[in-house]
Amino acid sequence: MTSIFILGAVVFLFVFTFFKIAAFKKVNPEQSWKKLFAVTLIDYLILIFGTLGTGILFNTIYSIAHN
């Protein structure tokens, strides 16, 4: 069961890195870093809730399947 959480953490970091690479490519020097921070925060929250939701779903399916 611990491997599920480790895999979730690795996927989270991998996807979050790609989100940030895409955001940095879209930011021009004239644009505000506040906007980039806002996008980073929103992406971070979406990924956290998605990771938690997927972990809960997989653990529920795992528990049901092994009963």
PDB file of N, CA and C in Angstrom:
ATOM      1  N   MET A   1       0.820  -1.183   0.000  1.00  0.00           N
ATOM      2  CA  MET A   1       0.000   0.000   0.000  1.00  0.00           C
ATOM      3  C   MET A   1       0.871   1.256   0.000  1.00  0.00           C
ATOM      4  N   THR A   2       2.038   1.209   0.606  1.00  0.00           N
ATOM      5  CA  THR A   2       2.941   2.357   0.615  1.00  0.00           C
ATOM      6  C   THR A   2       3.423   2.680  -0.790  1.00  0.00           C
ATOM      7  N   SER A   3       3.588   1.670  -1.610  1.00  0.00           N
ATOM      8  CA  SER A   3       4.056   1.907  -2.977  1.00  0.00           C
ATOM      9  C   SER A   3       3.055   2.727  -3.781  1.00  0.00           C
ATOM     10  N   ILE A   4       1.779   2.625  -3.450  1.00  0.00           N
ATOM     11  CA  ILE A   4       0.763   3.435  -4.132  1.00  0.00           C
ATOM     12  C   ILE A   4       1.016   4.914  -3.848  1.00  0.00           C
ATOM     13  N   PHE A   5       1.320   5.247  -2.596  1.00  0.00           N
ATOM     14  CA  PHE A   5       1.564   6.647  -2.241  1.00  0.00           C
ATOM     15  C   PHE A   5       2.883   7.148  -2.831  1.00  0.00           C
ATOM     16  N   ILE A   6       3.885   6.297  -2.873  1.00  0.00           N
ATOM     17  CA  ILE A   6       5.156   6.683  -3.481  1.00  0.00           C
ATOM     18  C   ILE A   6       4.972   6.939  -4.975  1.00  0.00           C
ATOM     19  N   LEU A   7       4.247   6.060  -5.644  1.00  0.00           N
ATOM     20  CA  LEU A   7       3.971   6.241  -7.073  1.00  0.00           C
ATOM     21  C   LEU A   7       3.175   7.519  -7.299  1.00  0.00           C
ATOM     22  N   GLY A   8       2.207   7.785  -6.441  1.00  0.00           N
ATOM     23  CA  GLY A   8       1.428   9.022  -6.551  1.00  0.00           C
ATOM     24  C   GLY A   8       2.292  10.261  -6.400  1.00  0.00           C
ATOM     25  N   ALA A   9       3.247  10.214  -5.469  1.00  0.00           N
ATOM     26  CA  ALA A   9       4.142  11.352  -5.265  1.00  0.00           C
ATOM     27  C   ALA A   9       5.041  11.572  -6.475  1.00  0.00           C
ATOM     28  N   VAL A  10       5.544  10.496  -7.053  1.00  0.00           N
ATOM     29  CA  VAL A  10       6.413  10.606  -8.226  1.00  0.00           C
ATOM     30  C   VAL A  10       5.627  11.174  -9.409  1.00  0.00           C
ATOM     31  N   VAL A  11       4.421  10.683  -9.622  1.00  0.00           N
ATOM     32  CA  VAL A  11       3.583  11.198 -10.717  1.00  0.00           C
ATOM     33  C   VAL A  11       3.268  12.670 -10.476  1.00  0.00           C
ATOM     34  N   PHE A  12       2.953  13.029  -9.235  1.00  0.00           N
ATOM     35  CA  PHE A  12       2.665  14.417  -8.899  1.00  0.00           C
ATOM     36  C   PHE A  12       3.836  15.324  -9.252  1.00  0.00           C
ATOM     37  N   LEU A  13       5.031  14.953  -8.826  1.00  0.00           N
ATOM     38  CA  LEU A  13       6.206  15.781  -9.106  1.00  0.00           C
ATOM     39  C   LEU A  13       6.495  15.873 -10.602  1.00  0.00           C
ATOM     40  N   PHE A  14       6.330  14.781 -11.311  1.00  0.00           N
ATOM     41  CA  PHE A  14       6.559  14.749 -12.752  1.00  0.00           C
ATOM     42  C   PHE A  14       5.593  15.691 -13.473  1.00  0.00           C
ATOM     43  N   VAL A  15       4.312  15.588 -13.160  1.00  0.00           N
ATOM     44  CA  VAL A  15       3.300  16.414 -13.831  1.00  0.00           C
ATOM     45  C   VAL A  15       3.447  17.876 -13.432  1.00  0.00           C
ATOM     46  N   PHE A  16       3.714  18.146 -12.164  1.00  0.00           N
ATOM     47  CA  PHE A  16       3.862  19.530 -11.711  1.00  0.00           C
ATOM     48  C   PHE A  16       5.049  20.194 -12.399  1.00  0.00           C
ATOM     49  N   THR A  17       6.120  19.431 -12.615  1.00  0.00           N
ATOM     50  CA  THR A  17       7.282  19.970 -13.319  1.00  0.00           C
ATOM     51  C   THR A  17       6.916  20.385 -14.738  1.00  0.00           C
ATOM     52  N   PHE A  18       6.131  19.554 -15.433  1.00  0.00           N
ATOM     53  CA  PHE A  18       5.721  19.914 -16.785  1.00  0.00           C
ATOM     54  C   PHE A  18       4.786  21.116 -16.793  1.00  0.00           C
ATOM     55  N   PHE A  19       3.921  21.242 -15.780  1.00  0.00           N
ATOM     56  CA  PHE A  19       3.082  22.429 -15.677  1.00  0.00           C
ATOM     57  C   PHE A  19       3.942  23.681 -15.558  1.00  0.00           C
ATOM     58  N   LYS A  20       4.963  23.620 -14.755  1.00  0.00           N
ATOM     59  CA  LYS A  20       5.807  24.796 -14.538  1.00  0.00           C
ATOM     60  C   LYS A  20       6.659  25.117 -15.757  1.00  0.00           C
ATOM     61  N   ILE A  21       7.151  24.125 -16.453  1.00  0.00           N
ATOM     62  CA  ILE A  21       7.912  24.372 -17.678  1.00  0.00           C
ATOM     63  C   ILE A  21       7.025  25.083 -18.696  1.00  0.00           C
ATOM     64  N   ALA A  22       5.790  24.621 -18.834  1.00  0.00           N
ATOM     65  CA  ALA A  22       4.860  25.264 -19.766  1.00  0.00           C
ATOM     66  C   ALA A  22       4.551  26.692 -19.345  1.00  0.00           C
ATOM     67  N   ALA A  23       4.405  26.931 -18.055  1.00  0.00           N
ATOM     68  CA  ALA A  23       4.111  28.281 -17.576  1.00  0.00           C
ATOM     69  C   ALA A  23       5.291  29.221 -17.810  1.00  0.00           C
ATOM     70  N   PHE A  24       6.512  28.746 -17.570  1.00  0.00           N
ATOM     71  CA  PHE A  24       7.690  29.598 -17.787  1.00  0.00           C
ATOM     72  C   PHE A  24       7.873  29.936 -19.263  1.00  0.00           C
ATOM     73  N   LYS A  25       7.503  29.025 -20.155  1.00  0.00           N
ATOM     74  CA  LYS A  25       7.614  29.318 -21.585  1.00  0.00           C
ATOM     75  C   LYS A  25       6.636  30.398 -22.021  1.00  0.00           C
ATOM     76  N   LYS A  26       5.506  30.519 -21.314  1.00  0.00           N
ATOM     77  CA  LYS A  26       4.481  31.491 -21.696  1.00  0.00           C
ATOM     78  C   LYS A  26       4.695  32.867 -21.073  1.00  0.00           C
ATOM     79  N   VAL A  27       5.578  32.975 -20.091  1.00  0.00           N
ATOM     80  CA  VAL A  27       5.777  34.249 -19.400  1.00  0.00           C
ATOM     81  C   VAL A  27       6.801  35.089 -20.151  1.00  0.00           C
ATOM     82  N   ASN A  28       6.408  36.283 -20.480  1.00  0.00           N
ATOM     83  CA  ASN A  28       7.318  37.246 -21.097  1.00  0.00           C
ATOM     84  C   ASN A  28       7.967  38.076 -19.994  1.00  0.00           C
ATOM     85  N   PRO A  29       9.121  38.655 -20.263  1.00  0.00           N
ATOM     86  CA  PRO A  29       9.761  39.496 -19.227  1.00  0.00           C
ATOM     87  C   PRO A  29       8.889  40.673 -18.795  1.00  0.00           C
ATOM     88  N   GLU A  30       7.999  41.127 -19.671  1.00  0.00           N
ATOM     89  CA  GLU A  30       7.139  42.261 -19.317  1.00  0.00           C
ATOM     90  C   GLU A  30       6.012  41.868 -18.380  1.00  0.00           C
ATOM     91  N   GLN A  31       5.677  40.582 -18.369  1.00  0.00           N
ATOM     92  CA  GLN A  31       4.550  40.145 -17.549  1.00  0.00           C
ATOM     93  C   GLN A  31       4.936  40.078 -16.076  1.00  0.00           C
ATOM     94  N   SER A  32       3.925  40.154 -15.274  1.00  0.00           N
ATOM     95  CA  SER A  32       4.131  40.178 -13.833  1.00  0.00           C
ATOM     96  C   SER A  32       4.417  38.786 -13.278  1.00  0.00           C
ATOM     97  N   TRP A  33       5.337  38.719 -12.315  1.00  0.00           N
ATOM     98  CA  TRP A  33       5.621  37.444 -11.642  1.00  0.00           C
ATOM     99  C   TRP A  33       4.490  37.080 -10.694  1.00  0.00           C
ATOM    100  N   LYS A  34       3.653  38.068 -10.340  1.00  0.00           N
ATOM    101  CA  LYS A  34       2.482  37.761  -9.513  1.00  0.00           C
ATOM    102  C   LYS A  34       1.524  36.849 -10.273  1.00  0.00           C
ATOM    103  N   LYS A  35       1.394  37.102 -11.564  1.00  0.00           N
ATOM    104  CA  LYS A  35       0.515  36.272 -12.376  1.00  0.00           C
ATOM    105  C   LYS A  35       1.056  34.842 -12.435  1.00  0.00           C
ATOM    106  N   LEU A  36       2.361  34.711 -12.614  1.00  0.00           N
ATOM    107  CA  LEU A  36       2.971  33.387 -12.650  1.00  0.00           C
ATOM    108  C   LEU A  36       2.805  32.671 -11.312  1.00  0.00           C
ATOM    109  N   PHE A  37       2.940  33.412 -10.212  1.00  0.00           N
ATOM    110  CA  PHE A  37       2.748  32.814  -8.889  1.00  0.00           C
ATOM    111  C   PHE A  37       1.310  32.350  -8.710  1.00  0.00           C
ATOM    112  N   ALA A  38       0.348  33.140  -9.191  1.00  0.00           N
ATOM    113  CA  ALA A  38      -1.064  32.753  -9.088  1.00  0.00           C
ATOM    114  C   ALA A  38      -1.332  31.474  -9.869  1.00  0.00           C
ATOM    115  N   VAL A  39      -0.766  31.391 -11.062  1.00  0.00           N
ATOM    116  CA  VAL A  39      -0.930  30.179 -11.873  1.00  0.00           C
ATOM    117  C   VAL A  39      -0.270  28.992 -11.179  1.00  0.00           C
ATOM    118  N   THR A  40       0.897  29.197 -10.589  1.00  0.00           N
ATOM    119  CA  THR A  40       1.595  28.136  -9.870  1.00  0.00           C
ATOM    120  C   THR A  40       0.756  27.643  -8.704  1.00  0.00           C
ATOM    121  N   LEU A  41       0.181  28.557  -7.958  1.00  0.00           N
ATOM    122  CA  LEU A  41      -0.631  28.180  -6.804  1.00  0.00           C
ATOM    123  C   LEU A  41      -1.873  27.395  -7.223  1.00  0.00           C
ATOM    124  N   ILE A  42      -2.538  27.843  -8.266  1.00  0.00           N
ATOM    125  CA  ILE A  42      -3.730  27.146  -8.750  1.00  0.00           C
ATOM    126  C   ILE A  42      -3.370  25.761  -9.268  1.00  0.00           C
ATOM    127  N   ASP A  43      -2.300  25.658 -10.055  1.00  0.00           N
ATOM    128  CA  ASP A  43      -1.843  24.348 -10.540  1.00  0.00           C
ATOM    129  C   ASP A  43      -1.512  23.425  -9.381  1.00  0.00           C
ATOM    130  N   TYR A  44      -0.842  23.965  -8.373  1.00  0.00           N
ATOM    131  CA  TYR A  44      -0.451  23.185  -7.206  1.00  0.00           C
ATOM    132  C   TYR A  44      -1.684  22.630  -6.484  1.00  0.00           C
ATOM    133  N   LEU A  45      -2.683  23.475  -6.280  1.00  0.00           N
ATOM    134  CA  LEU A  45      -3.903  23.029  -5.598  1.00  0.00           C
ATOM    135  C   LEU A  45      -4.655  21.986  -6.413  1.00  0.00           C
ATOM    136  N   ILE A  46      -4.741  22.186  -7.719  1.00  0.00           N
ATOM    137  CA  ILE A  46      -5.410  21.204  -8.576  1.00  0.00           C
ATOM    138  C   ILE A  46      -4.700  19.859  -8.512  1.00  0.00           C
ATOM    139  N   LEU A  47      -3.390  19.879  -8.577  1.00  0.00           N
ATOM    140  CA  LEU A  47      -2.639  18.627  -8.544  1.00  0.00           C
ATOM    141  C   LEU A  47      -2.728  17.942  -7.181  1.00  0.00           C
ATOM    142  N   ILE A  48      -2.733  18.713  -6.101  1.00  0.00           N
ATOM    143  CA  ILE A  48      -2.872  18.116  -4.770  1.00  0.00           C
ATOM    144  C   ILE A  48      -4.217  17.411  -4.644  1.00  0.00           C
ATOM    145  N   PHE A  49      -5.289  18.105  -4.990  1.00  0.00           N
ATOM    146  CA  PHE A  49      -6.611  17.494  -4.861  1.00  0.00           C
ATOM    147  C   PHE A  49      -6.788  16.323  -5.814  1.00  0.00           C
ATOM    148  N   GLY A  50      -6.215  16.422  -6.998  1.00  0.00           N
ATOM    149  CA  GLY A  50      -6.273  15.297  -7.937  1.00  0.00           C
ATOM    150  C   GLY A  50      -5.514  14.091  -7.426  1.00  0.00           C
ATOM    151  N   THR A  51      -4.351  14.334  -6.837  1.00  0.00           N
ATOM    152  CA  THR A  51      -3.553  13.239  -6.290  1.00  0.00           C
ATOM    153  C   THR A  51      -4.262  12.591  -5.102  1.00  0.00           C
ATOM    154  N   LEU A  52      -4.793  13.405  -4.213  1.00  0.00           N
ATOM    155  CA  LEU A  52      -5.527  12.854  -3.071  1.00  0.00           C
ATOM    156  C   LEU A  52      -6.766  12.080  -3.519  1.00  0.00           C
ATOM    157  N   GLY A  53      -7.500  12.655  -4.442  1.00  0.00           N
ATOM    158  CA  GLY A  53      -8.704  11.986  -4.940  1.00  0.00           C
ATOM    159  C   GLY A  53      -8.390  10.667  -5.614  1.00  0.00           C
ATOM    160  N   THR A  54      -7.351  10.648  -6.427  1.00  0.00           N
ATOM    161  CA  THR A  54      -6.964   9.416  -7.107  1.00  0.00           C
ATOM    162  C   THR A  54      -6.449   8.386  -6.104  1.00  0.00           C
ATOM    163  N   GLY A  55      -5.692   8.822  -5.110  1.00  0.00           N
ATOM    164  CA  GLY A  55      -5.211   7.901  -4.086  1.00  0.00           C
ATOM    165  C   GLY A  55      -6.347   7.275  -3.306  1.00  0.00           C
ATOM    166  N   ILE A  56      -7.333   8.091  -2.931  1.00  0.00           N
ATOM    167  CA  ILE A  56      -8.494   7.576  -2.204  1.00  0.00           C
ATOM    168  C   ILE A  56      -9.273   6.599  -3.080  1.00  0.00           C
ATOM    169  N   LEU A  57      -9.443   6.952  -4.347  1.00  0.00           N
ATOM    170  CA  LEU A  57     -10.159   6.069  -5.271  1.00  0.00           C
ATOM    171  C   LEU A  57      -9.436   4.733  -5.426  1.00  0.00           C
ATOM    172  N   PHE A  58      -8.126   4.760  -5.652  1.00  0.00           N
ATOM    173  CA  PHE A  58      -7.374   3.520  -5.824  1.00  0.00           C
ATOM    174  C   PHE A  58      -7.378   2.680  -4.553  1.00  0.00           C
ATOM    175  N   ASN A  59      -7.249   3.320  -3.392  1.00  0.00           N
ATOM    176  CA  ASN A  59      -7.289   2.562  -2.140  1.00  0.00           C
ATOM    177  C   ASN A  59      -8.663   1.948  -1.900  1.00  0.00           C
ATOM    178  N   THR A  60      -9.713   2.658  -2.267  1.00  0.00           N
ATOM    179  CA  THR A  60     -11.070   2.113  -2.132  1.00  0.00           C
ATOM    180  C   THR A  60     -11.259   0.911  -3.039  1.00  0.00           C
ATOM    181  N   ILE A  61     -10.831   1.040  -4.285  1.00  0.00           N
ATOM    182  CA  ILE A  61     -10.945  -0.082  -5.227  1.00  0.00           C
ATOM    183  C   ILE A  61     -10.097  -1.262  -4.746  1.00  0.00           C
ATOM    184  N   TYR A  62      -8.919  -0.977  -4.260  1.00  0.00           N
ATOM    185  CA  TYR A  62      -8.034  -2.033  -3.737  1.00  0.00           C
ATOM    186  C   TYR A  62      -8.677  -2.762  -2.566  1.00  0.00           C
ATOM    187  N   SER A  63      -9.269  -1.993  -1.649  1.00  0.00           N
ATOM    188  CA  SER A  63      -9.901  -2.597  -0.482  1.00  0.00           C
ATOM    189  C   SER A  63     -11.130  -3.419  -0.857  1.00  0.00           C
ATOM    190  N   ILE A  64     -11.923  -2.930  -1.790  1.00  0.00           N
ATOM    191  CA  ILE A  64     -13.115  -3.661  -2.226  1.00  0.00           C
ATOM    192  C   ILE A  64     -12.709  -4.944  -2.959  1.00  0.00           C
ATOM    193  N   ALA A  65     -11.694  -4.859  -3.773  1.00  0.00           N
ATOM    194  CA  ALA A  65     -11.272  -6.021  -4.566  1.00  0.00           C
ATOM    195  C   ALA A  65     -10.699  -7.142  -3.709  1.00  0.00           C
ATOM    196  N   HIS A  66     -10.147  -6.801  -2.551  1.00  0.00           N
ATOM    197  CA  HIS A  66      -9.525  -7.817  -1.709  1.00  0.00           C
ATOM    198  C   HIS A  66     -10.404  -8.277  -0.557  1.00  0.00           C
ATOM    199  N   ASN A  67     -11.669  -7.955  -0.612  1.00  0.00           N
ATOM    200  CA  ASN A  67     -12.612  -8.446   0.425  1.00  0.00           C
ATOM    201  C   ASN A  67     -13.333  -9.662  -0.024  1.00  0.00           C
TER     202      ASN A  67
END
